[in-house]
């Protein structure tokens, strides 16, 4: 729930850029930039370059997905990932 709460806070700050989050257990996703596949792929590349592991799924809409290894991470890790995500979304939304 902590990761979903953090993603929801980002969505509330950038509703034009994120729809969601969606998911169950360790499978969490959100739809970035209206589900545009090119923008979703760009977001995943930028997140990967910043050290965040995620992938795209779907095509219309394209979603960014996380398979969260909850047994191996803590709140600090989730905070680090969501901070990188927040900065990347902000940068892409304002480009």
PDB file of N, CA and C in Angstrom:
ATOM      1  N   UNK A   1       0.819  -1.202   0.000  1.00  0.00           N
ATOM      2  CA  UNK A   1       0.000   0.000   0.000  1.00  0.00           C
ATOM      3  C   UNK A   1       0.863   1.266   0.000  1.00  0.00           C
ATOM      4  N   UNK A   2       2.034   1.173   0.588  1.00  0.00           N
ATOM      5  CA  UNK A   2       2.915   2.347   0.651  1.00  0.00           C
ATOM      6  C   UNK A   2       3.312   2.803  -0.749  1.00  0.00           C
ATOM      7  N   UNK A   3       3.700   1.864  -1.609  1.00  0.00           N
ATOM      8  CA  UNK A   3       4.095   2.220  -2.979  1.00  0.00           C
ATOM      9  C   UNK A   3       2.905   2.810  -3.736  1.00  0.00           C
ATOM     10  N   UNK A   4       1.752   2.207  -3.606  1.00  0.00           N
ATOM     11  CA  UNK A   4       0.550   2.722  -4.268  1.00  0.00           C
ATOM     12  C   UNK A   4       0.219   4.121  -3.757  1.00  0.00           C
ATOM     13  N   UNK A   5       0.345   4.348  -2.464  1.00  0.00           N
ATOM     14  CA  UNK A   5       0.094   5.681  -1.906  1.00  0.00           C
ATOM     15  C   UNK A   5       1.052   6.713  -2.489  1.00  0.00           C
ATOM     16  N   UNK A   6       2.311   6.338  -2.633  1.00  0.00           N
ATOM     17  CA  UNK A   6       3.304   7.264  -3.209  1.00  0.00           C
ATOM     18  C   UNK A   6       2.996   7.559  -4.681  1.00  0.00           C
ATOM     19  N   UNK A   7       2.609   6.534  -5.441  1.00  0.00           N
ATOM     20  CA  UNK A   7       2.238   6.745  -6.843  1.00  0.00           C
ATOM     21  C   UNK A   7       0.980   7.600  -6.953  1.00  0.00           C
ATOM     22  N   UNK A   8       0.040   7.400  -6.071  1.00  0.00           N
ATOM     23  CA  UNK A   8      -1.185   8.198  -6.063  1.00  0.00           C
ATOM     24  C   UNK A   8      -0.862   9.667  -5.805  1.00  0.00           C
ATOM     25  N   UNK A   9       0.078   9.930  -4.912  1.00  0.00           N
ATOM     26  CA  UNK A   9       0.477  11.320  -4.638  1.00  0.00           C
ATOM     27  C   UNK A   9       1.080  11.960  -5.889  1.00  0.00           C
ATOM     28  N   UNK A  10       1.865  11.205  -6.653  1.00  0.00           N
ATOM     29  CA  UNK A  10       2.429  11.741  -7.904  1.00  0.00           C
ATOM     30  C   UNK A  10       1.301  11.997  -8.895  1.00  0.00           C
ATOM     31  N   UNK A  11       0.356  11.073  -8.987  1.00  0.00           N
ATOM     32  CA  UNK A  11      -0.772  11.245  -9.902  1.00  0.00           C
ATOM     33  C   UNK A  11      -1.575  12.490  -9.543  1.00  0.00           C
ATOM     34  N   UNK A  12      -1.741  12.752  -8.276  1.00  0.00           N
ATOM     35  CA  UNK A  12      -2.509  13.928  -7.861  1.00  0.00           C
ATOM     36  C   UNK A  12      -1.784  15.223  -8.204  1.00  0.00           C
ATOM     37  N   UNK A  13      -0.463  15.200  -8.204  1.00  0.00           N
ATOM     38  CA  UNK A  13       0.316  16.383  -8.600  1.00  0.00           C
ATOM     39  C   UNK A  13       0.368  16.554 -10.111  1.00  0.00           C
ATOM     40  N   UNK A  14       0.271  15.447 -10.846  1.00  0.00           N
ATOM     41  CA  UNK A  14       0.381  15.468 -12.305  1.00  0.00           C
ATOM     42  C   UNK A  14      -0.735  14.642 -12.951  1.00  0.00           C
ATOM     43  N   UNK A  15      -1.999  15.034 -12.745  1.00  0.00           N
ATOM     44  CA  UNK A  15      -3.091  14.234 -13.311  1.00  0.00           C
ATOM     45  C   UNK A  15      -3.081  14.207 -14.841  1.00  0.00           C
ATOM     46  N   UNK A  16      -2.440  15.184 -15.454  1.00  0.00           N
ATOM     47  CA  UNK A  16      -2.344  15.197 -16.914  1.00  0.00           C
ATOM     48  C   UNK A  16      -1.332  14.178 -17.417  1.00  0.00           C
ATOM     49  N   UNK A  17      -0.476  13.684 -16.541  1.00  0.00           N
ATOM     50  CA  UNK A  17       0.611  12.805 -16.949  1.00  0.00           C
ATOM     51  C   UNK A  17       0.445  11.362 -16.489  1.00  0.00           C
ATOM     52  N   UNK A  18      -0.370  11.118 -15.480  1.00  0.00           N
ATOM     53  CA  UNK A  18      -0.501   9.764 -14.927  1.00  0.00           C
ATOM     54  C   UNK A  18      -1.966   9.445 -14.666  1.00  0.00           C
ATOM     55  N   UNK A  19      -2.356   8.239 -15.071  1.00  0.00           N
ATOM     56  CA  UNK A  19      -3.651   7.680 -14.694  1.00  0.00           C
ATOM     57  C   UNK A  19      -3.349   6.405 -13.906  1.00  0.00           C
ATOM     58  N   UNK A  20      -3.991   6.243 -12.787  1.00  0.00           N
ATOM     59  CA  UNK A  20      -3.718   5.072 -11.955  1.00  0.00           C
ATOM     60  C   UNK A  20      -3.215   5.536 -10.610  1.00  0.00           C
ATOM     61  N   UNK A  21      -2.586   4.719  -9.866  1.00  0.00           N
ATOM     62  CA  UNK A  21      -2.037   3.403 -10.182  1.00  0.00           C
ATOM     63  C   UNK A  21      -3.082   2.296 -10.124  1.00  0.00           C
ATOM     64  N   UNK A  22      -2.705   1.174 -10.755  1.00  0.00           N
ATOM     65  CA  UNK A  22      -3.517  -0.030 -10.777  1.00  0.00           C
ATOM     66  C   UNK A  22      -2.637  -1.176 -10.295  1.00  0.00           C
ATOM     67  N   UNK A  23      -3.239  -2.222  -9.818  1.00  0.00           N
ATOM     68  CA  UNK A  23      -2.436  -3.385  -9.500  1.00  0.00           C
ATOM     69  C   UNK A  23      -2.941  -4.192  -8.357  1.00  0.00           C
ATOM     70  N   UNK A  24      -2.201  -5.253  -8.112  1.00  0.00           N
ATOM     71  CA  UNK A  24      -2.534  -6.209  -7.072  1.00  0.00           C
ATOM     72  C   UNK A  24      -1.231  -6.768  -6.527  1.00  0.00           C
ATOM     73  N   UNK A  25      -1.055  -6.693  -5.224  1.00  0.00           N
ATOM     74  CA  UNK A  25       0.160  -7.222  -4.619  1.00  0.00           C
ATOM     75  C   UNK A  25       1.389  -6.500  -5.129  1.00  0.00           C
ATOM     76  N   UNK A  26       2.353  -7.269  -5.631  1.00  0.00           N
ATOM     77  CA  UNK A  26       3.595  -6.695  -6.126  1.00  0.00           C
ATOM     78  C   UNK A  26       3.555  -6.283  -7.580  1.00  0.00           C
ATOM     79  N   UNK A  27       2.408  -6.449  -8.251  1.00  0.00           N
ATOM     80  CA  UNK A  27       2.276  -6.034  -9.647  1.00  0.00           C
ATOM     81  C   UNK A  27       1.547  -4.699  -9.681  1.00  0.00           C
ATOM     82  N   UNK A  28       2.299  -3.639  -9.913  1.00  0.00           N
ATOM     83  CA  UNK A  28       1.746  -2.285  -9.871  1.00  0.00           C
ATOM     84  C   UNK A  28       1.985  -1.631 -11.230  1.00  0.00           C
ATOM     85  N   UNK A  29       1.002  -0.885 -11.711  1.00  0.00           N
ATOM     86  CA  UNK A  29       1.127  -0.209 -13.003  1.00  0.00           C
ATOM     87  C   UNK A  29       0.436   1.153 -12.947  1.00  0.00           C
ATOM     88  N   UNK A  30       0.788   1.995 -13.911  1.00  0.00           N
ATOM     89  CA  UNK A  30       0.065   3.238 -14.145  1.00  0.00           C
ATOM     90  C   UNK A  30       0.142   3.540 -15.630  1.00  0.00           C
ATOM     91  N   UNK A  31      -0.786   4.363 -16.086  1.00  0.00           N
ATOM     92  CA  UNK A  31      -0.822   4.754 -17.491  1.00  0.00           C
ATOM     93  C   UNK A  31      -0.238   6.153 -17.608  1.00  0.00           C
ATOM     94  N   UNK A  32       0.923   6.290 -18.267  1.00  0.00           N
ATOM     95  CA  UNK A  32       1.521   7.614 -18.411  1.00  0.00           C
ATOM     96  C   UNK A  32       1.074   8.297 -19.699  1.00  0.00           C
ATOM     97  N   UNK A  33       0.902   9.589 -19.632  1.00  0.00           N
ATOM     98  CA  UNK A  33       0.685  10.427 -20.806  1.00  0.00           C
ATOM     99  C   UNK A  33      -0.397   9.884 -21.738  1.00  0.00           C
ATOM    100  N   UNK A  34      -1.551   9.564 -21.148  1.00  0.00           N
ATOM    101  CA  UNK A  34      -2.699   9.118 -21.937  1.00  0.00           C
ATOM    102  C   UNK A  34      -2.527   7.755 -22.581  1.00  0.00           C
ATOM    103  N   UNK A  35      -1.508   7.001 -22.171  1.00  0.00           N
ATOM    104  CA  UNK A  35      -1.275   5.679 -22.738  1.00  0.00           C
ATOM    105  C   UNK A  35      -0.500   5.687 -24.035  1.00  0.00           C
ATOM    106  N   UNK A  36       0.106   6.834 -24.384  1.00  0.00           N
ATOM    107  CA  UNK A  36       0.893   6.946 -25.606  1.00  0.00           C
ATOM    108  C   UNK A  36       2.086   5.983 -25.538  1.00  0.00           C
ATOM    109  N   UNK A  37       2.168   4.992 -26.457  1.00  0.00           N
ATOM    110  CA  UNK A  37       3.242   3.999 -26.393  1.00  0.00           C
ATOM    111  C   UNK A  37       4.649   4.597 -26.498  1.00  0.00           C
ATOM    112  N   UNK A  38       4.828   5.615 -27.326  1.00  0.00           N
ATOM    113  CA  UNK A  38       6.158   6.225 -27.473  1.00  0.00           C
ATOM    114  C   UNK A  38       6.574   6.950 -26.199  1.00  0.00           C
ATOM    115  N   UNK A  39       5.644   7.677 -25.603  1.00  0.00           N
ATOM    116  CA  UNK A  39       5.962   8.388 -24.363  1.00  0.00           C
ATOM    117  C   UNK A  39       6.213   7.398 -23.222  1.00  0.00           C
ATOM    118  N   UNK A  40       5.428   6.322 -23.171  1.00  0.00           N
ATOM    119  CA  UNK A  40       5.637   5.307 -22.134  1.00  0.00           C
ATOM    120  C   UNK A  40       7.014   4.674 -22.277  1.00  0.00           C
ATOM    121  N   UNK A  41       7.414   4.355 -23.511  1.00  0.00           N
ATOM    122  CA  UNK A  41       8.741   3.776 -23.754  1.00  0.00           C
ATOM    123  C   UNK A  41       9.843   4.762 -23.379  1.00  0.00           C
ATOM    124  N   UNK A  42       9.644   6.029 -23.706  1.00  0.00           N
ATOM    125  CA  UNK A  42      10.628   7.049 -23.335  1.00  0.00           C
ATOM    126  C   UNK A  42      10.754   7.140 -21.813  1.00  0.00           C
ATOM    127  N   UNK A  43       9.628   7.124 -21.115  1.00  0.00           N
ATOM    128  CA  UNK A  43       9.643   7.191 -19.658  1.00  0.00           C
ATOM    129  C   UNK A  43      10.399   6.007 -19.073  1.00  0.00           C
ATOM    130  N   UNK A  44      10.135   4.801 -19.581  1.00  0.00           N
ATOM    131  CA  UNK A  44      10.814   3.606 -19.074  1.00  0.00           C
ATOM    132  C   UNK A  44      12.319   3.701 -19.320  1.00  0.00           C
ATOM    133  N   UNK A  45      12.733   4.187 -20.498  1.00  0.00           N
ATOM    134  CA  UNK A  45      14.172   4.350 -20.783  1.00  0.00           C
ATOM    135  C   UNK A  45      14.810   5.333 -19.814  1.00  0.00           C
ATOM    136  N   UNK A  46      14.141   6.462 -19.585  1.00  0.00           N
ATOM    137  CA  UNK A  46      14.696   7.464 -18.672  1.00  0.00           C
ATOM    138  C   UNK A  46      14.747   6.941 -17.236  1.00  0.00           C
ATOM    139  N   UNK A  47      13.733   6.207 -16.829  1.00  0.00           N
ATOM    140  CA  UNK A  47      13.747   5.624 -15.491  1.00  0.00           C
ATOM    141  C   UNK A  47      14.865   4.592 -15.366  1.00  0.00           C
ATOM    142  N   UNK A  48      15.038   3.753 -16.384  1.00  0.00           N
ATOM    143  CA  UNK A  48      16.106   2.754 -16.357  1.00  0.00           C
ATOM    144  C   UNK A  48      17.470   3.428 -16.265  1.00  0.00           C
ATOM    145  N   UNK A  49      17.661   4.496 -17.047  1.00  0.00           N
ATOM    146  CA  UNK A  49      18.930   5.231 -17.002  1.00  0.00           C
ATOM    147  C   UNK A  49      19.189   5.815 -15.613  1.00  0.00           C
ATOM    148  N   UNK A  50      18.121   6.092 -14.871  1.00  0.00           N
ATOM    149  CA  UNK A  50      18.245   6.642 -13.517  1.00  0.00           C
ATOM    150  C   UNK A  50      18.307   5.540 -12.455  1.00  0.00           C
ATOM    151  N   UNK A  51      18.242   4.265 -12.876  1.00  0.00           N
ATOM    152  CA  UNK A  51      18.381   3.167 -11.935  1.00  0.00           C
ATOM    153  C   UNK A  51      17.102   2.489 -11.497  1.00  0.00           C
ATOM    154  N   UNK A  52      15.988   2.778 -12.166  1.00  0.00           N
ATOM    155  CA  UNK A  52      14.696   2.188 -11.804  1.00  0.00           C
ATOM    156  C   UNK A  52      14.341   1.093 -12.805  1.00  0.00           C
ATOM    157  N   UNK A  53      14.043  -0.090 -12.285  1.00  0.00           N
ATOM    158  CA  UNK A  53      13.646  -1.205 -13.146  1.00  0.00           C
ATOM    159  C   UNK A  53      12.127  -1.245 -13.276  1.00  0.00           C
ATOM    160  N   UNK A  54      11.659  -1.132 -14.522  1.00  0.00           N
ATOM    161  CA  UNK A  54      10.244  -1.229 -14.835  1.00  0.00           C
ATOM    162  C   UNK A  54      10.132  -1.598 -16.308  1.00  0.00           C
ATOM    163  N   UNK A  55       8.928  -1.781 -16.793  1.00  0.00           N
ATOM    164  CA  UNK A  55       8.750  -2.124 -18.201  1.00  0.00           C
ATOM    165  C   UNK A  55       7.385  -1.635 -18.667  1.00  0.00           C
ATOM    166  N   UNK A  56       7.216  -1.602 -19.983  1.00  0.00           N
ATOM    167  CA  UNK A  56       5.913  -1.225 -20.525  1.00  0.00           C
ATOM    168  C   UNK A  56       5.099  -2.489 -20.754  1.00  0.00           C
ATOM    169  N   UNK A  57       3.810  -2.317 -20.738  1.00  0.00           N
ATOM    170  CA  UNK A  57       2.880  -3.391 -21.035  1.00  0.00           C
ATOM    171  C   UNK A  57       1.679  -2.801 -21.743  1.00  0.00           C
ATOM    172  N   UNK A  58       1.148  -3.546 -22.688  1.00  0.00           N
ATOM    173  CA  UNK A  58       0.002  -3.053 -23.440  1.00  0.00           C
ATOM    174  C   UNK A  58       0.423  -2.118 -24.552  1.00  0.00           C
ATOM    175  N   UNK A  59      -0.552  -1.738 -25.348  1.00  0.00           N
ATOM    176  CA  UNK A  59      -0.262  -0.835 -26.464  1.00  0.00           C
ATOM    177  C   UNK A  59      -1.218   0.349 -26.485  1.00  0.00           C
ATOM    178  N   UNK A  60      -2.497   0.118 -26.318  1.00  0.00           N
ATOM    179  CA  UNK A  60      -3.479   1.199 -26.293  1.00  0.00           C
ATOM    180  C   UNK A  60      -4.446   0.948 -25.153  1.00  0.00           C
ATOM    181  N   UNK A  61      -4.179   1.338 -23.978  1.00  0.00           N
ATOM    182  CA  UNK A  61      -3.096   2.228 -23.570  1.00  0.00           C
ATOM    183  C   UNK A  61      -1.836   1.454 -23.179  1.00  0.00           C
ATOM    184  N   UNK A  62      -0.708   2.091 -23.345  1.00  0.00           N
ATOM    185  CA  UNK A  62       0.552   1.553 -22.838  1.00  0.00           C
ATOM    186  C   UNK A  62       0.650   1.904 -21.362  1.00  0.00           C
ATOM    187  N   UNK A  63       1.099   0.960 -20.578  1.00  0.00           N
ATOM    188  CA  UNK A  63       1.262   1.197 -19.149  1.00  0.00           C
ATOM    189  C   UNK A  63       2.703   0.933 -18.738  1.00  0.00           C
ATOM    190  N   UNK A  64       3.113   1.593 -17.677  1.00  0.00           N
ATOM    191  CA  UNK A  64       4.402   1.322 -17.053  1.00  0.00           C
ATOM    192  C   UNK A  64       4.107   0.394 -15.884  1.00  0.00           C
ATOM    193  N   UNK A  65       4.864  -0.703 -15.826  1.00  0.00           N
ATOM    194  CA  UNK A  65       4.612  -1.734 -14.823  1.00  0.00           C
ATOM    195  C   UNK A  65       5.838  -1.974 -13.952  1.00  0.00           C
ATOM    196  N   UNK A  66       5.569  -2.279 -12.707  1.00  0.00           N
ATOM    197  CA  UNK A  66       6.602  -2.638 -11.737  1.00  0.00           C
ATOM    198  C   UNK A  66       6.251  -4.003 -11.158  1.00  0.00           C
ATOM    199  N   UNK A  67       7.249  -4.859 -11.000  1.00  0.00           N
ATOM    200  CA  UNK A  67       7.106  -6.102 -10.245  1.00  0.00           C
ATOM    201  C   UNK A  67       7.926  -5.895  -8.982  1.00  0.00           C
ATOM    202  N   UNK A  68       7.270  -5.470  -7.945  1.00  0.00           N
ATOM    203  CA  UNK A  68       7.938  -5.026  -6.728  1.00  0.00           C
ATOM    204  C   UNK A  68       8.331  -6.222  -5.859  1.00  0.00           C
ATOM    205  N   UNK A  69       9.624  -6.395  -5.574  1.00  0.00           N
ATOM    206  CA  UNK A  69      10.070  -7.496  -4.701  1.00  0.00           C
ATOM    207  C   UNK A  69       9.960  -7.085  -3.230  1.00  0.00           C
ATOM    208  N   UNK A  70       8.741  -7.061  -2.718  1.00  0.00           N
ATOM    209  CA  UNK A  70       8.495  -6.511  -1.394  1.00  0.00           C
ATOM    210  C   UNK A  70       9.340  -7.147  -0.289  1.00  0.00           C
ATOM    211  N   UNK A  71       9.713  -8.393  -0.432  1.00  0.00           N
ATOM    212  CA  UNK A  71      10.519  -9.030   0.596  1.00  0.00           C
ATOM    213  C   UNK A  71      11.964  -8.561   0.610  1.00  0.00           C
ATOM    214  N   UNK A  72      12.381  -7.844  -0.433  1.00  0.00           N
ATOM    215  CA  UNK A  72      13.788  -7.449  -0.558  1.00  0.00           C
ATOM    216  C   UNK A  72      13.996  -5.936  -0.523  1.00  0.00           C
ATOM    217  N   UNK A  73      12.923  -5.169  -0.362  1.00  0.00           N
ATOM    218  CA  UNK A  73      13.054  -3.710  -0.355  1.00  0.00           C
ATOM    219  C   UNK A  73      12.370  -3.133   0.875  1.00  0.00           C
ATOM    220  N   UNK A  74      12.673  -1.871   1.138  1.00  0.00           N
ATOM    221  CA  UNK A  74      12.055  -1.182   2.271  1.00  0.00           C
ATOM    222  C   UNK A  74      11.491   0.159   1.844  1.00  0.00           C
ATOM    223  N   UNK A  75      11.005   0.901   2.813  1.00  0.00           N
ATOM    224  CA  UNK A  75      10.417   2.206   2.535  1.00  0.00           C
ATOM    225  C   UNK A  75      11.408   3.155   1.872  1.00  0.00           C
ATOM    226  N   UNK A  76      12.665   3.098   2.271  1.00  0.00           N
ATOM    227  CA  UNK A  76      13.685   3.972   1.665  1.00  0.00           C
ATOM    228  C   UNK A  76      13.813   3.698   0.174  1.00  0.00           C
ATOM    229  N   UNK A  77      13.735   2.438  -0.217  1.00  0.00           N
ATOM    230  CA  UNK A  77      13.832   2.076  -1.631  1.00  0.00           C
ATOM    231  C   UNK A  77      12.631   2.604  -2.412  1.00  0.00           C
ATOM    232  N   UNK A  78      11.454   2.449  -1.854  1.00  0.00           N
ATOM    233  CA  UNK A  78      10.246   2.947  -2.505  1.00  0.00           C
ATOM    234  C   UNK A  78      10.304   4.467  -2.603  1.00  0.00           C
ATOM    235  N   UNK A  79      10.761   5.129  -1.554  1.00  0.00           N
ATOM    236  CA  UNK A  79      10.904   6.589  -1.594  1.00  0.00           C
ATOM    237  C   UNK A  79      11.875   7.010  -2.694  1.00  0.00           C
ATOM    238  N   UNK A  80      12.988   6.288  -2.844  1.00  0.00           N
ATOM    239  CA  UNK A  80      13.979   6.637  -3.868  1.00  0.00           C
ATOM    240  C   UNK A  80      13.381   6.472  -5.268  1.00  0.00           C
ATOM    241  N   UNK A  81      12.682   5.368  -5.502  1.00  0.00           N
ATOM    242  CA  UNK A  81      12.077   5.121  -6.815  1.00  0.00           C
ATOM    243  C   UNK A  81      11.019   6.167  -7.121  1.00  0.00           C
ATOM    244  N   UNK A  82      10.166   6.461  -6.165  1.00  0.00           N
ATOM    245  CA  UNK A  82       9.095   7.419  -6.445  1.00  0.00           C
ATOM    246  C   UNK A  82       9.634   8.838  -6.598  1.00  0.00           C
ATOM    247  N   UNK A  83      10.731   9.170  -5.956  1.00  0.00           N
ATOM    248  CA  UNK A  83      11.341  10.487  -6.159  1.00  0.00           C
ATOM    249  C   UNK A  83      11.899  10.599  -7.579  1.00  0.00           C
ATOM    250  N   UNK A  84      12.564   9.553  -8.051  1.00  0.00           N
ATOM    251  CA  UNK A  84      13.071   9.545  -9.426  1.00  0.00           C
ATOM    252  C   UNK A  84      11.908   9.629 -10.402  1.00  0.00           C
ATOM    253  N   UNK A  85      10.855   8.862 -10.148  1.00  0.00           N
ATOM    254  CA  UNK A  85       9.678   8.891 -11.011  1.00  0.00           C
ATOM    255  C   UNK A  85       9.053  10.275 -11.031  1.00  0.00           C
ATOM    256  N   UNK A  86       8.918  10.886  -9.859  1.00  0.00           N
ATOM    257  CA  UNK A  86       8.314  12.219  -9.770  1.00  0.00           C
ATOM    258  C   UNK A  86       9.112  13.233 -10.592  1.00  0.00           C
ATOM    259  N   UNK A  87      10.424  13.218 -10.451  1.00  0.00           N
ATOM    260  CA  UNK A  87      11.272  14.157 -11.191  1.00  0.00           C
ATOM    261  C   UNK A  87      11.204  13.907 -12.689  1.00  0.00           C
ATOM    262  N   UNK A  88      11.190  12.651 -13.086  1.00  0.00           N
ATOM    263  CA  UNK A  88      11.150  12.305 -14.521  1.00  0.00           C
ATOM    264  C   UNK A  88       9.821  12.688 -15.130  1.00  0.00           C
ATOM    265  N   UNK A  89       8.720  12.380 -14.445  1.00  0.00           N
ATOM    266  CA  UNK A  89       7.393  12.764 -14.929  1.00  0.00           C
ATOM    267  C   UNK A  89       7.294  14.279 -15.059  1.00  0.00           C
ATOM    268  N   UNK A  90       7.762  14.989 -14.048  1.00  0.00           N
ATOM    269  CA  UNK A  90       7.715  16.455 -14.071  1.00  0.00           C
ATOM    270  C   UNK A  90       8.489  16.998 -15.268  1.00  0.00           C
ATOM    271  N   UNK A  91       9.685  16.476 -15.475  1.00  0.00           N
ATOM    272  CA  UNK A  91      10.512  16.939 -16.589  1.00  0.00           C
ATOM    273  C   UNK A  91       9.838  16.660 -17.938  1.00  0.00           C
ATOM    274  N   UNK A  92       9.298  15.443 -18.107  1.00  0.00           N
ATOM    275  CA  UNK A  92       8.656  15.094 -19.371  1.00  0.00           C
ATOM    276  C   UNK A  92       7.368  15.875 -19.572  1.00  0.00           C
ATOM    277  N   UNK A  93       6.608  16.104 -18.521  1.00  0.00           N
ATOM    278  CA  UNK A  93       5.336  16.830 -18.646  1.00  0.00           C
ATOM    279  C   UNK A  93       5.561  18.294 -19.001  1.00  0.00           C
ATOM    280  N   UNK A  94       6.707  18.824 -18.609  1.00  0.00           N
ATOM    281  CA  UNK A  94       6.986  20.237 -18.865  1.00  0.00           C
ATOM    282  C   UNK A  94       7.939  20.478 -20.043  1.00  0.00           C
ATOM    283  N   UNK A  95       8.206  19.414 -20.805  1.00  0.00           N
ATOM    284  CA  UNK A  95       9.125  19.548 -21.947  1.00  0.00           C
ATOM    285  C   UNK A  95       8.397  20.094 -23.166  1.00  0.00           C
TER     286      UNK A  95
END
